[in-house]
Amino acid sequence: MEKKLTKRNVIEKMLKEEIVVANEDYKNYLENELRLLDNKKAANSAKTKANAEENAKLTDILVNALANADRVMTITEILTLPEIATIRIKGEDGNDKPLSTSKVSYLLNNDERVVRTENKKKAYFSVK
């Protein structure tokens, strides 16, 4: 199977062509494009790392709140707990917003300390 053709692969192949090597403007332009790709990759990596750290902190807060509740709870019930209801996260538009049910569900479903049970198509969460 053939490897997927990417912008980086095309630029690297073009830089090896005689026409590009002979023309300084072409060469500078293509090298600049490679730098821009590197910068974009670095920015995305930093954003992903920051998001993972924020998710880990939120998960710890949610698990502690569940442990303190000492009973099984739905997502809606978890969101009404005092220590959870006051949490604000940055939205895509940059404004603070409360935790959503989908975010809490994602975080709890991906944590091994949490047990999910279903009763009549309703999800309940508790700590192991």
C-alpha atoms as a PDB file:
ATOM      1  CA  MET A   1       0.000   0.000   0.000  1.00  0.00           C
ATOM      2  CA  GLU A   2       1.274   3.438  -0.930  1.00  0.00           C
ATOM      3  CA  LYS A   3       2.137   5.936   1.792  1.00  0.00           C
ATOM      4  CA  LYS A   4      -0.184   8.926   2.076  1.00  0.00           C
ATOM      5  CA  LEU A   5       1.117  11.984   0.229  1.00  0.00           C
ATOM      6  CA  THR A   6       1.469  14.930   2.597  1.00  0.00           C
ATOM      7  CA  LYS A   7       2.404  18.555   2.087  1.00  0.00           C
ATOM      8  CA  ARG A   8       5.697  17.921   3.896  1.00  0.00           C
ATOM      9  CA  ASN A   9       6.565  15.012   1.572  1.00  0.00           C
ATOM     10  CA  VAL A  10       5.833  17.091  -1.524  1.00  0.00           C
ATOM     11  CA  ILE A  11       7.939  20.026  -0.290  1.00  0.00           C
ATOM     12  CA  GLU A  12      10.854  17.762   0.622  1.00  0.00           C
ATOM     13  CA  LYS A  13      10.769  16.143  -2.842  1.00  0.00           C
ATOM     14  CA  MET A  14      10.540  19.542  -4.521  1.00  0.00           C
ATOM     15  CA  LEU A  15      13.596  20.763  -2.605  1.00  0.00           C
ATOM     16  CA  LYS A  16      15.612  17.951  -4.228  1.00  0.00           C
ATOM     17  CA  GLU A  17      14.655  18.972  -7.788  1.00  0.00           C
ATOM     18  CA  GLU A  18      17.331  20.689  -9.896  1.00  0.00           C
ATOM     19  CA  ILE A  19      15.071  23.613 -10.809  1.00  0.00           C
ATOM     20  CA  VAL A  20      14.425  24.420  -7.143  1.00  0.00           C
ATOM     21  CA  VAL A  21      18.057  23.967  -6.108  1.00  0.00           C
ATOM     22  CA  ALA A  22      19.130  26.380  -8.889  1.00  0.00           C
ATOM     23  CA  ASN A  23      16.544  29.056  -7.963  1.00  0.00           C
ATOM     24  CA  GLU A  24      17.180  30.682  -4.580  1.00  0.00           C
ATOM     25  CA  ASP A  25      13.651  32.188  -4.375  1.00  0.00           C
ATOM     26  CA  TYR A  26      11.970  28.792  -4.832  1.00  0.00           C
ATOM     27  CA  LYS A  27      14.302  27.226  -2.291  1.00  0.00           C
ATOM     28  CA  ASN A  28      13.677  29.962   0.325  1.00  0.00           C
ATOM     29  CA  TYR A  29       9.925  29.764  -0.184  1.00  0.00           C
ATOM     30  CA  LEU A  30       9.801  25.986   0.265  1.00  0.00           C
ATOM     31  CA  GLU A  31      12.086  26.057   3.313  1.00  0.00           C
ATOM     32  CA  ASN A  32       9.808  28.689   4.850  1.00  0.00           C
ATOM     33  CA  GLU A  33       6.808  26.417   4.223  1.00  0.00           C
ATOM     34  CA  LEU A  34       8.580  23.605   6.098  1.00  0.00           C
ATOM     35  CA  ARG A  35       9.233  25.961   9.050  1.00  0.00           C
ATOM     36  CA  LEU A  36       5.556  26.936   9.080  1.00  0.00           C
ATOM     37  CA  LEU A  37       4.558  23.259   9.176  1.00  0.00           C
ATOM     38  CA  ASP A  38       6.963  22.678  12.081  1.00  0.00           C
ATOM     39  CA  ASN A  39       5.511  25.652  13.995  1.00  0.00           C
ATOM     40  CA  LYS A  40       1.967  24.425  13.428  1.00  0.00           C
ATOM     41  CA  LYS A  41       2.861  20.957  14.713  1.00  0.00           C
ATOM     42  CA  ALA A  42       4.552  22.391  17.827  1.00  0.00           C
ATOM     43  CA  ALA A  43       1.557  24.616  18.613  1.00  0.00           C
ATOM     44  CA  ASN A  44      -0.883  21.704  18.322  1.00  0.00           C
ATOM     45  CA  SER A  45       1.328  19.540  20.550  1.00  0.00           C
ATOM     46  CA  ALA A  46       1.444  22.180  23.290  1.00  0.00           C
ATOM     47  CA  LYS A  47      -2.331  22.655  23.138  1.00  0.00           C
ATOM     48  CA  THR A  48      -2.941  18.914  23.419  1.00  0.00           C
ATOM     49  CA  LYS A  49      -0.617  18.628  26.434  1.00  0.00           C
ATOM     50  CA  ALA A  50      -2.320  21.544  28.220  1.00  0.00           C
ATOM     51  CA  ASN A  51      -5.747  20.049  27.510  1.00  0.00           C
ATOM     52  CA  ALA A  52      -4.672  16.653  28.887  1.00  0.00           C
ATOM     53  CA  GLU A  53      -3.387  18.274  32.089  1.00  0.00           C
ATOM     54  CA  GLU A  54      -6.650  20.204  32.538  1.00  0.00           C
ATOM     55  CA  ASN A  55      -8.678  17.020  31.966  1.00  0.00           C
ATOM     56  CA  ALA A  56      -6.606  15.138  34.570  1.00  0.00           C
ATOM     57  CA  LYS A  57      -7.252  17.852  37.172  1.00  0.00           C
ATOM     58  CA  LEU A  58     -10.982  17.904  36.390  1.00  0.00           C
ATOM     59  CA  THR A  59     -11.158  14.113  36.611  1.00  0.00           C
ATOM     60  CA  ASP A  60      -9.506  14.146  40.046  1.00  0.00           C
ATOM     61  CA  ILE A  61     -12.017  16.743  41.258  1.00  0.00           C
ATOM     62  CA  LEU A  62     -14.937  14.700  39.893  1.00  0.00           C
ATOM     63  CA  VAL A  63     -13.700  11.439  41.436  1.00  0.00           C
ATOM     64  CA  ASN A  64     -13.166  13.120  44.821  1.00  0.00           C
ATOM     65  CA  ALA A  65     -16.665  14.604  44.693  1.00  0.00           C
ATOM     66  CA  LEU A  66     -18.116  11.175  43.850  1.00  0.00           C
ATOM     67  CA  ALA A  67     -16.170   9.566  46.686  1.00  0.00           C
ATOM     68  CA  ASN A  68     -17.435  12.194  49.148  1.00  0.00           C
ATOM     69  CA  ALA A  69     -21.021  11.710  47.968  1.00  0.00           C
ATOM     70  CA  ASP A  70     -20.753   8.023  48.952  1.00  0.00           C
ATOM     71  CA  ARG A  71     -23.576   6.914  46.638  1.00  0.00           C
ATOM     72  CA  VAL A  72     -24.226   6.292  42.950  1.00  0.00           C
ATOM     73  CA  MET A  73     -25.066   9.429  40.998  1.00  0.00           C
ATOM     74  CA  THR A  74     -26.122  10.507  37.530  1.00  0.00           C
ATOM     75  CA  ILE A  75     -24.219  13.140  35.577  1.00  0.00           C
ATOM     76  CA  THR A  76     -26.933  15.692  36.318  1.00  0.00           C
ATOM     77  CA  GLU A  77     -26.679  15.002  40.049  1.00  0.00           C
ATOM     78  CA  ILE A  78     -22.894  15.279  39.901  1.00  0.00           C
ATOM     79  CA  LEU A  79     -23.140  18.671  38.192  1.00  0.00           C
ATOM     80  CA  THR A  80     -25.339  19.983  41.009  1.00  0.00           C
ATOM     81  CA  LEU A  81     -22.781  19.172  43.726  1.00  0.00           C
ATOM     82  CA  PRO A  82     -21.433  22.427  45.231  1.00  0.00           C
ATOM     83  CA  GLU A  83     -17.783  21.646  44.463  1.00  0.00           C
ATOM     84  CA  ILE A  84     -18.626  20.855  40.819  1.00  0.00           C
ATOM     85  CA  ALA A  85     -21.250  23.517  40.095  1.00  0.00           C
ATOM     86  CA  THR A  86     -18.720  26.316  40.603  1.00  0.00           C
ATOM     87  CA  ILE A  87     -16.144  24.968  38.110  1.00  0.00           C
ATOM     88  CA  ARG A  88     -15.691  27.008  34.937  1.00  0.00           C
ATOM     89  CA  ILE A  89     -13.671  25.951  31.897  1.00  0.00           C
ATOM     90  CA  LYS A  90     -12.513  27.914  28.859  1.00  0.00           C
ATOM     91  CA  GLY A  91     -14.752  27.427  25.856  1.00  0.00           C
ATOM     92  CA  GLU A  92     -13.626  27.455  22.234  1.00  0.00           C
ATOM     93  CA  ASP A  93     -14.579  31.131  22.047  1.00  0.00           C
ATOM     94  CA  GLY A  94     -12.301  31.917  25.007  1.00  0.00           C
ATOM     95  CA  ASN A  95     -15.132  32.626  27.464  1.00  0.00           C
ATOM     96  CA  ASP A  96     -15.627  30.754  30.721  1.00  0.00           C
ATOM     97  CA  LYS A  97     -18.491  28.270  30.765  1.00  0.00           C
ATOM     98  CA  PRO A  98     -19.787  25.645  33.193  1.00  0.00           C
ATOM     99  CA  LEU A  99     -18.945  21.968  32.777  1.00  0.00           C
ATOM    100  CA  SER A 100     -21.204  20.202  30.291  1.00  0.00           C
ATOM    101  CA  THR A 101     -22.804  16.805  30.781  1.00  0.00           C
ATOM    102  CA  SER A 102     -20.890  15.426  27.803  1.00  0.00           C
ATOM    103  CA  LYS A 103     -17.526  16.603  29.202  1.00  0.00           C
ATOM    104  CA  VAL A 104     -18.235  15.041  32.615  1.00  0.00           C
ATOM    105  CA  SER A 105     -19.431  11.828  30.981  1.00  0.00           C
ATOM    106  CA  TYR A 106     -16.273  11.648  28.842  1.00  0.00           C
ATOM    107  CA  LEU A 107     -13.986  12.207  31.826  1.00  0.00           C
ATOM    108  CA  LEU A 108     -15.727   9.680  34.082  1.00  0.00           C
ATOM    109  CA  ASN A 109     -16.062   6.994  31.404  1.00  0.00           C
ATOM    110  CA  ASN A 110     -12.317   7.172  30.738  1.00  0.00           C
ATOM    111  CA  ASP A 111     -11.198   6.850  34.360  1.00  0.00           C
ATOM    112  CA  GLU A 112     -10.468   3.420  35.839  1.00  0.00           C
ATOM    113  CA  ARG A 113     -11.401   4.559  39.372  1.00  0.00           C
ATOM    114  CA  VAL A 114     -15.040   5.073  38.369  1.00  0.00           C
ATOM    115  CA  VAL A 115     -17.692   2.383  37.968  1.00  0.00           C
ATOM    116  CA  ARG A 116     -20.501   2.993  35.506  1.00  0.00           C
ATOM    117  CA  THR A 117     -23.764   1.086  35.880  1.00  0.00           C
ATOM    118  CA  GLU A 118     -26.929   1.418  33.842  1.00  0.00           C
ATOM    119  CA  ASN A 119     -30.488   1.043  35.020  1.00  0.00           C
ATOM    120  CA  LYS A 120     -33.350   1.576  32.563  1.00  0.00           C
ATOM    121  CA  LYS A 121     -30.997   3.256  30.068  1.00  0.00           C
ATOM    122  CA  LYS A 122     -29.802   5.751  32.689  1.00  0.00           C
ATOM    123  CA  ALA A 123     -26.084   5.867  33.571  1.00  0.00           C
ATOM    124  CA  TYR A 124     -25.038   5.937  37.216  1.00  0.00           C
ATOM    125  CA  PHE A 125     -21.500   6.532  38.434  1.00  0.00           C
ATOM    126  CA  SER A 126     -19.691   5.588  41.628  1.00  0.00           C
ATOM    127  CA  VAL A 127     -16.122   5.182  42.853  1.00  0.00           C
ATOM    128  CA  LYS A 128     -14.618   1.673  43.130  1.00  0.00           C
END
